[in-house]
C-alpha atoms as a PDB file:
ATOM      1  CA  MET A   1     110.236  96.957 105.806  1.00  0.00           C
ATOM      2  CA  ALA A   2     107.608  99.034 107.608  1.00  0.00           C
ATOM      3  CA  ILE A   3     109.140 101.234 110.280  1.00  0.00           C
ATOM      4  CA  VAL A   4     107.351 103.005 113.126  1.00  0.00           C
ATOM      5  CA  LEU A   5     109.158 106.227 113.924  1.00  0.00           C
ATOM      6  CA  ASN A   6     111.106 106.055 117.156  1.00  0.00           C
ATOM      7  CA  LYS A   7     109.447 109.056 118.778  1.00  0.00           C
ATOM      8  CA  PRO A   8     107.384 109.266 121.967  1.00  0.00           C
ATOM      9  CA  GLU A   9     103.758 110.100 121.241  1.00  0.00           C
ATOM     10  CA  ASP A  10     104.003 113.508 122.901  1.00  0.00           C
ATOM     11  CA  GLN A  11     106.979 114.403 120.672  1.00  0.00           C
ATOM     12  CA  ASN A  12     105.157 113.265 117.552  1.00  0.00           C
ATOM     13  CA  PRO A  13     101.911 115.291 117.565  1.00  0.00           C
ATOM     14  CA  LYS A  14     101.028 114.362 113.979  1.00  0.00           C
ATOM     15  CA  ASN A  15     101.280 110.662 114.818  1.00  0.00           C
ATOM     16  CA  GLU A  16     103.601 110.229 111.853  1.00  0.00           C
ATOM     17  CA  ARG A  17     104.592 106.815 110.644  1.00  0.00           C
ATOM     18  CA  ALA A  18     107.012 105.514 108.027  1.00  0.00           C
ATOM     19  CA  LEU A  19     105.722 102.874 105.620  1.00  0.00           C
ATOM     20  CA  PRO A  20     106.441 101.440 102.173  1.00  0.00           C
ATOM     21  CA  LEU A  21     105.240 103.798  99.442  1.00  0.00           C
ATOM     22  CA  VAL A  22     103.999 102.844  95.997  1.00  0.00           C
ATOM     23  CA  ALA A  23     103.198 105.425  93.331  1.00  0.00           C
ATOM     24  CA  ILE A  24     100.038 104.868  91.286  1.00  0.00           C
ATOM     25  CA  ARG A  25     100.426 105.805  87.614  1.00  0.00           C
ATOM     26  CA  ASP A  26      96.752 106.406  86.923  1.00  0.00           C
ATOM     27  CA  GLY A  27      93.678 106.580  89.140  1.00  0.00           C
ATOM     28  CA  VAL A  28      93.205 107.032  92.878  1.00  0.00           C
ATOM     29  CA  ILE A  29      92.689 104.524  95.677  1.00  0.00           C
ATOM     30  CA  PHE A  30      90.033 105.673  98.152  1.00  0.00           C
ATOM     31  CA  PRO A  31      89.481 104.637 101.762  1.00  0.00           C
ATOM     32  CA  HIS A  32      86.549 102.235 102.287  1.00  0.00           C
ATOM     33  CA  THR A  33      87.282 100.515  98.957  1.00  0.00           C
ATOM     34  CA  GLU A  34      88.730  97.175  97.930  1.00  0.00           C
ATOM     35  CA  VAL A  35      90.456  96.547  94.625  1.00  0.00           C
ATOM     36  CA  VAL A  36      92.838  94.092  92.944  1.00  0.00           C
ATOM     37  CA  LEU A  37      95.830  95.886  91.403  1.00  0.00           C
ATOM     38  CA  THR A  38      98.717  94.674  89.263  1.00  0.00           C
ATOM     39  CA  PHE A  39     102.220  96.065  89.805  1.00  0.00           C
ATOM     40  CA  GLY A  40     105.153  95.640  87.444  1.00  0.00           C
ATOM     41  CA  ARG A  41     107.723  98.311  88.279  1.00  0.00           C
ATOM     42  CA  SER A  42     110.539  96.940  90.412  1.00  0.00           C
ATOM     43  CA  ARG A  43     110.106  99.506  93.200  1.00  0.00           C
ATOM     44  CA  SER A  44     106.363  98.899  93.312  1.00  0.00           C
ATOM     45  CA  VAL A  45     106.776  95.117  93.469  1.00  0.00           C
ATOM     46  CA  ALA A  46     109.409  95.448  96.209  1.00  0.00           C
ATOM     47  CA  GLY A  47     107.222  97.831  98.224  1.00  0.00           C
ATOM     48  CA  VAL A  48     104.162  95.569  98.044  1.00  0.00           C
ATOM     49  CA  GLU A  49     106.234  92.524  99.008  1.00  0.00           C
ATOM     50  CA  ALA A  50     107.828  94.385 101.934  1.00  0.00           C
ATOM     51  CA  ALA A  51     104.430  95.447 103.253  1.00  0.00           C
ATOM     52  CA  PHE A  52     102.999  91.959 102.898  1.00  0.00           C
ATOM     53  CA  ARG A  53     105.947  90.432 104.772  1.00  0.00           C
ATOM     54  CA  THR A  54     105.506  92.756 107.750  1.00  0.00           C
ATOM     55  CA  ASP A  55     102.264  94.303 109.022  1.00  0.00           C
ATOM     56  CA  LYS A  56     100.627  94.523 105.547  1.00  0.00           C
ATOM     57  CA  ARG A  57     100.314  98.319 105.750  1.00  0.00           C
ATOM     58  CA  ILE A  58     101.351 100.441 102.768  1.00  0.00           C
ATOM     59  CA  VAL A  59     100.771 103.920 101.359  1.00  0.00           C
ATOM     60  CA  PHE A  60      99.566 104.540  97.815  1.00  0.00           C
ATOM     61  CA  VAL A  61      99.916 108.015  96.292  1.00  0.00           C
ATOM     62  CA  SER A  62      98.966 108.977  92.743  1.00  0.00           C
ATOM     63  CA  GLN A  63     101.460 110.419  90.265  1.00  0.00           C
ATOM     64  CA  LYS A  64     100.870 113.859  88.767  1.00  0.00           C
ATOM     65  CA  ASN A  65     102.323 112.621  85.470  1.00  0.00           C
ATOM     66  CA  PRO A  66     101.463 108.979  84.656  1.00  0.00           C
ATOM     67  CA  SER A  67     104.241 108.687  82.061  1.00  0.00           C
ATOM     68  CA  LEU A  68     107.032 108.864  84.652  1.00  0.00           C
ATOM     69  CA  THR A  69     108.660 105.493  85.325  1.00  0.00           C
ATOM     70  CA  SER A  70     110.606 106.431  88.466  1.00  0.00           C
ATOM     71  CA  PRO A  71     108.742 109.294  90.178  1.00  0.00           C
ATOM     72  CA  SER A  72     110.278 111.255  93.039  1.00  0.00           C
ATOM     73  CA  GLU A  73     108.476 112.987  95.912  1.00  0.00           C
ATOM     74  CA  GLU A  74     107.935 116.115  93.779  1.00  0.00           C
ATOM     75  CA  ASP A  75     106.077 114.037  91.187  1.00  0.00           C
ATOM     76  CA  LEU A  76     103.486 112.781  93.680  1.00  0.00           C
ATOM     77  CA  TYR A  77     100.361 114.368  95.124  1.00  0.00           C
ATOM     78  CA  SER A  78     100.607 115.349  98.776  1.00  0.00           C
ATOM     79  CA  VAL A  79      97.576 113.273  99.885  1.00  0.00           C
ATOM     80  CA  GLY A  80      97.320 109.502  99.525  1.00  0.00           C
ATOM     81  CA  THR A  81      95.705 106.502 101.147  1.00  0.00           C
ATOM     82  CA  LEU A  82      96.947 104.183 103.859  1.00  0.00           C
ATOM     83  CA  CYS A  83      96.001 100.660 102.767  1.00  0.00           C
ATOM     84  CA  THR A  84      96.447  97.042 103.725  1.00  0.00           C
ATOM     85  CA  ILE A  85      97.639  94.271 101.430  1.00  0.00           C
ATOM     86  CA  ASP A  86      95.419  91.282 102.136  1.00  0.00           C
ATOM     87  CA  ARG A  87      96.680  88.835  99.506  1.00  0.00           C
ATOM     88  CA  ILE A  88      99.285  88.740  96.746  1.00  0.00           C
ATOM     89  CA  LEU A  89      99.865  86.560  93.686  1.00  0.00           C
ATOM     90  CA  LYS A  90     103.033  86.680  91.562  1.00  0.00           C
ATOM     91  CA  THR A  91     102.749  86.141  87.801  1.00  0.00           C
ATOM     92  CA  ASN A  92     105.605  86.505  85.272  1.00  0.00           C
ATOM     93  CA  GLY A  93     107.470  89.182  87.209  1.00  0.00           C
ATOM     94  CA  ASP A  94     104.337  91.153  88.061  1.00  0.00           C
ATOM     95  CA  ILE A  95     102.487  91.013  91.342  1.00  0.00           C
ATOM     96  CA  ASN A  96      98.735  91.114  91.863  1.00  0.00           C
ATOM     97  CA  ALA A  97      97.533  92.414  95.210  1.00  0.00           C
ATOM     98  CA  LEU A  98      94.193  92.672  96.972  1.00  0.00           C
ATOM     99  CA  VAL A  99      94.295  96.220  98.344  1.00  0.00           C
ATOM    100  CA  LYS A 100      91.936  97.660 100.954  1.00  0.00           C
ATOM    101  CA  GLY A 101      91.824 101.425 101.507  1.00  0.00           C
ATOM    102  CA  VAL A 102      91.855 102.393 105.194  1.00  0.00           C
ATOM    103  CA  LYS A 103      92.296 106.153 105.685  1.00  0.00           C
ATOM    104  CA  ARG A 104      93.523 109.381 104.140  1.00  0.00           C
ATOM    105  CA  VAL A 105      97.101 110.398 104.913  1.00  0.00           C
ATOM    106  CA  ARG A 106      99.288 113.376 104.164  1.00  0.00           C
ATOM    107  CA  LEU A 107     102.679 112.721 102.617  1.00  0.00           C
ATOM    108  CA  GLU A 108     105.082 114.562 104.916  1.00  0.00           C
ATOM    109  CA  ARG A 109     108.179 113.358 103.104  1.00  0.00           C
ATOM    110  CA  ALA A 110     109.301 110.488 100.906  1.00  0.00           C
ATOM    111  CA  LYS A 111     112.619 108.988  99.913  1.00  0.00           C
ATOM    112  CA  VAL A 112     114.003 106.112  97.933  1.00  0.00           C
ATOM    113  CA  GLN A 113     115.372 103.478 100.276  1.00  0.00           C
ATOM    114  CA  ASP A 114     116.310 100.767  97.783  1.00  0.00           C
ATOM    115  CA  PRO A 115     114.713  98.594  96.690  1.00  0.00           C
ATOM    116  CA  PHE A 116     111.534 100.637  97.277  1.00  0.00           C
ATOM    117  CA  MET A 117     110.262 104.033  98.442  1.00  0.00           C
ATOM    118  CA  ILE A 118     109.484 104.969 102.023  1.00  0.00           C
ATOM    119  CA  ALA A 119     106.799 107.492 102.972  1.00  0.00           C
ATOM    120  CA  VAL A 120     106.487 109.364 106.243  1.00  0.00           C
ATOM    121  CA  VAL A 121     102.792 110.164 106.574  1.00  0.00           C
ATOM    122  CA  SER A 122     100.314 111.617 109.038  1.00  0.00           C
ATOM    123  CA  GLU A 123      96.636 110.754 109.290  1.00  0.00           C
ATOM    124  CA  ILE A 124      94.099 113.281 107.970  1.00  0.00           C
ATOM    125  CA  PRO A 125      91.020 113.372 110.225  1.00  0.00           C
ATOM    126  CA  GLU A 126      87.670 113.498 108.450  1.00  0.00           C
ATOM    127  CA  ILE A 127      85.083 116.131 109.291  1.00  0.00           C
ATOM    128  CA  GLN A 128      81.808 114.278 109.823  1.00  0.00           C
ATOM    129  CA  GLU A 129      78.385 115.727 110.441  1.00  0.00           C
ATOM    130  CA  GLU A 130      75.066 114.170 111.335  1.00  0.00           C
ATOM    131  CA  SER A 131      72.272 116.273 109.910  1.00  0.00           C
ATOM    132  CA  ASP A 132      69.103 116.071 107.855  1.00  0.00           C
ATOM    133  CA  SER A 133      70.930 117.580 104.878  1.00  0.00           C
ATOM    134  CA  VAL A 134      73.594 114.856 104.966  1.00  0.00           C
ATOM    135  CA  SER A 135      70.910 112.149 105.202  1.00  0.00           C
ATOM    136  CA  ALA A 136      69.077 113.699 102.256  1.00  0.00           C
ATOM    137  CA  LEU A 137      72.281 113.839 100.222  1.00  0.00           C
ATOM    138  CA  CYS A 138      72.982 110.165 100.934  1.00  0.00           C
ATOM    139  CA  LYS A 139      69.474 109.139  99.828  1.00  0.00           C
ATOM    140  CA  HIS A 140      69.724 111.184  96.653  1.00  0.00           C
ATOM    141  CA  ILE A 141      73.205 109.884  95.756  1.00  0.00           C
ATOM    142  CA  THR A 142      72.143 106.290  96.375  1.00  0.00           C
ATOM    143  CA  ALA A 143      69.115 106.755  94.092  1.00  0.00           C
ATOM    144  CA  GLU A 144      71.214 108.414  91.374  1.00  0.00           C
ATOM    145  CA  PHE A 145      73.839 105.675  91.581  1.00  0.00           C
ATOM    146  CA  LYS A 146      71.153 102.983  91.287  1.00  0.00           C
ATOM    147  CA  LYS A 147      69.774 104.779  88.244  1.00  0.00           C
ATOM    148  CA  ALA A 148      73.259 104.906  86.659  1.00  0.00           C
ATOM    149  CA  VAL A 149      73.770 101.173  87.233  1.00  0.00           C
ATOM    150  CA  ASN A 150      70.353 100.422  85.743  1.00  0.00           C
ATOM    151  CA  MET A 151      71.416 102.410  82.673  1.00  0.00           C
ATOM    152  CA  GLY A 152      74.535 100.266  82.220  1.00  0.00           C
ATOM    153  CA  LYS A 153      77.217 101.652  84.546  1.00  0.00           C
ATOM    154  CA  SER A 154      79.669  98.843  85.341  1.00  0.00           C
ATOM    155  CA  VAL A 155      79.951  98.130  89.070  1.00  0.00           C
ATOM    156  CA  GLU A 156      80.886  95.016  91.023  1.00  0.00           C
ATOM    157  CA  PHE A 157      77.659  93.352  92.134  1.00  0.00           C
ATOM    158  CA  LEU A 158      78.671  92.809  95.778  1.00  0.00           C
ATOM    159  CA  ASN A 159      79.758  96.442  96.146  1.00  0.00           C
ATOM    160  CA  PHE A 160      76.508  97.604  94.586  1.00  0.00           C
ATOM    161  CA  MET A 161      74.426  95.485  96.950  1.00  0.00           C
ATOM    162  CA  LYS A 162      76.395  96.748  99.944  1.00  0.00           C
ATOM    163  CA  LEU A 163      75.788 100.368  98.973  1.00  0.00           C
ATOM    164  CA  MET A 164      72.105  99.731  98.365  1.00  0.00           C
ATOM    165  CA  SER A 165      71.750  98.138 101.812  1.00  0.00           C
ATOM    166  CA  GLY A 166      73.147 101.260 103.442  1.00  0.00           C
ATOM    167  CA  VAL A 167      76.602 102.412 104.569  1.00  0.00           C
ATOM    168  CA  ASP A 168      77.781 105.446 106.511  1.00  0.00           C
ATOM    169  CA  PRO A 169      78.135 108.756 104.597  1.00  0.00           C
ATOM    170  CA  ALA A 170      81.958 108.675 104.422  1.00  0.00           C
ATOM    171  CA  GLU A 171      81.979 105.186 102.917  1.00  0.00           C
ATOM    172  CA  LEU A 172      79.182 106.060 100.509  1.00  0.00           C
ATOM    173  CA  ALA A 173      81.103 109.082  99.226  1.00  0.00           C
ATOM    174  CA  ASP A 174      84.373 107.169  98.802  1.00  0.00           C
ATOM    175  CA  GLN A 175      82.857 104.036  97.287  1.00  0.00           C
ATOM    176  CA  ILE A 176      80.958 105.970  94.637  1.00  0.00           C
ATOM    177  CA  ALA A 177      83.852 108.382  94.018  1.00  0.00           C
ATOM    178  CA  SER A 178      86.024 105.399  93.151  1.00  0.00           C
ATOM    179  CA  THR A 179      83.575 104.359  90.396  1.00  0.00           C
ATOM    180  CA  LEU A 180      83.258 107.774  88.738  1.00  0.00           C
ATOM    181  CA  ASP A 181      84.484 108.051  85.152  1.00  0.00           C
ATOM    182  CA  ILE A 182      86.573 111.176  85.691  1.00  0.00           C
ATOM    183  CA  LYS A 183      90.245 112.132  85.366  1.00  0.00           C
ATOM    184  CA  THR A 184      92.800 111.237  88.019  1.00  0.00           C
ATOM    185  CA  LYS A 185      93.271 114.880  89.034  1.00  0.00           C
ATOM    186  CA  ASP A 186      89.514 115.170  89.619  1.00  0.00           C
ATOM    187  CA  LYS A 187      89.448 112.016  91.739  1.00  0.00           C
ATOM    188  CA  GLN A 188      92.452 113.364  93.635  1.00  0.00           C
ATOM    189  CA  GLU A 189      90.457 116.502  94.433  1.00  0.00           C
ATOM    190  CA  LEU A 190      87.712 114.310  95.902  1.00  0.00           C
ATOM    191  CA  LEU A 191      90.288 112.385  97.941  1.00  0.00           C
ATOM    192  CA  GLU A 192      91.610 115.640  99.401  1.00  0.00           C
ATOM    193  CA  ILE A 193      88.206 116.848 100.637  1.00  0.00           C
ATOM    194  CA  THR A 194      88.133 116.194 104.383  1.00  0.00           C
ATOM    195  CA  SER A 195      84.516 117.280 104.916  1.00  0.00           C
ATOM    196  CA  VAL A 196      82.262 114.291 104.284  1.00  0.00           C
ATOM    197  CA  LYS A 197      79.311 116.580 103.535  1.00  0.00           C
ATOM    198  CA  GLU A 198      81.308 118.550 100.970  1.00  0.00           C
ATOM    199  CA  ARG A 199      82.607 115.355  99.375  1.00  0.00           C
ATOM    200  CA  LEU A 200      79.073 113.982  99.126  1.00  0.00           C
ATOM    201  CA  GLY A 201      77.998 117.208  97.443  1.00  0.00           C
ATOM    202  CA  ASP A 202      80.757 116.980  94.822  1.00  0.00           C
ATOM    203  CA  VAL A 203      80.055 113.295  94.172  1.00  0.00           C
ATOM    204  CA  ASP A 204      76.376 114.123  93.763  1.00  0.00           C
ATOM    205  CA  LEU A 205      77.261 116.852  91.265  1.00  0.00           C
ATOM    206  CA  VAL A 206      79.399 114.514  89.147  1.00  0.00           C
ATOM    207  CA  LEU A 207      76.742 111.791  89.230  1.00  0.00           C
ATOM    208  CA  GLY A 208      74.135 114.283  88.089  1.00  0.00           C
ATOM    209  CA  CYS A 209      76.349 115.403  85.193  1.00  0.00           C
ATOM    210  CA  GLY A 210      76.936 111.785  84.188  1.00  0.00           C
END
């Protein structure tokens, strides 16, 4: 069950909150993205169900070692994504969930509270900048992404059309980062970049290398 910490706002400067936590074996979930995921581990299924029964909020954090079946806090990265569970569908013991990434969060602490894990997290503010250089980066990344799709890169059509019609720089960086064919640790590095301009620059670099 999702729990809001029982602390007055002025005694909780980080605005921490406690929510169900699910570890992701492979890959990274970014804010501003929407994806259907399948969960089979008992703790993961229980965490998704608990979130869906309450306020639909949940935290996803990637594992450092994907082979671990029951990861502890030490086995997880320190930055994850606060998400919402919009819909779920159970099939043969697994659970499929429509997950929407909302914002970056720092994992302050985590514990197993059977039957699932609980994370205490704090929001990570993004550093945004309106400048000609950011606008130029966005135009260049959009053009490079369009070129990659034209050359056969697999992307969901609706997401592609949305990006081509124009989104804000933070969403552009996260949406395209989620499609990059790079290792989990490299995607995690992108997730941990709080400066939107810097994240755009790294995404542009990877796109150019692709």
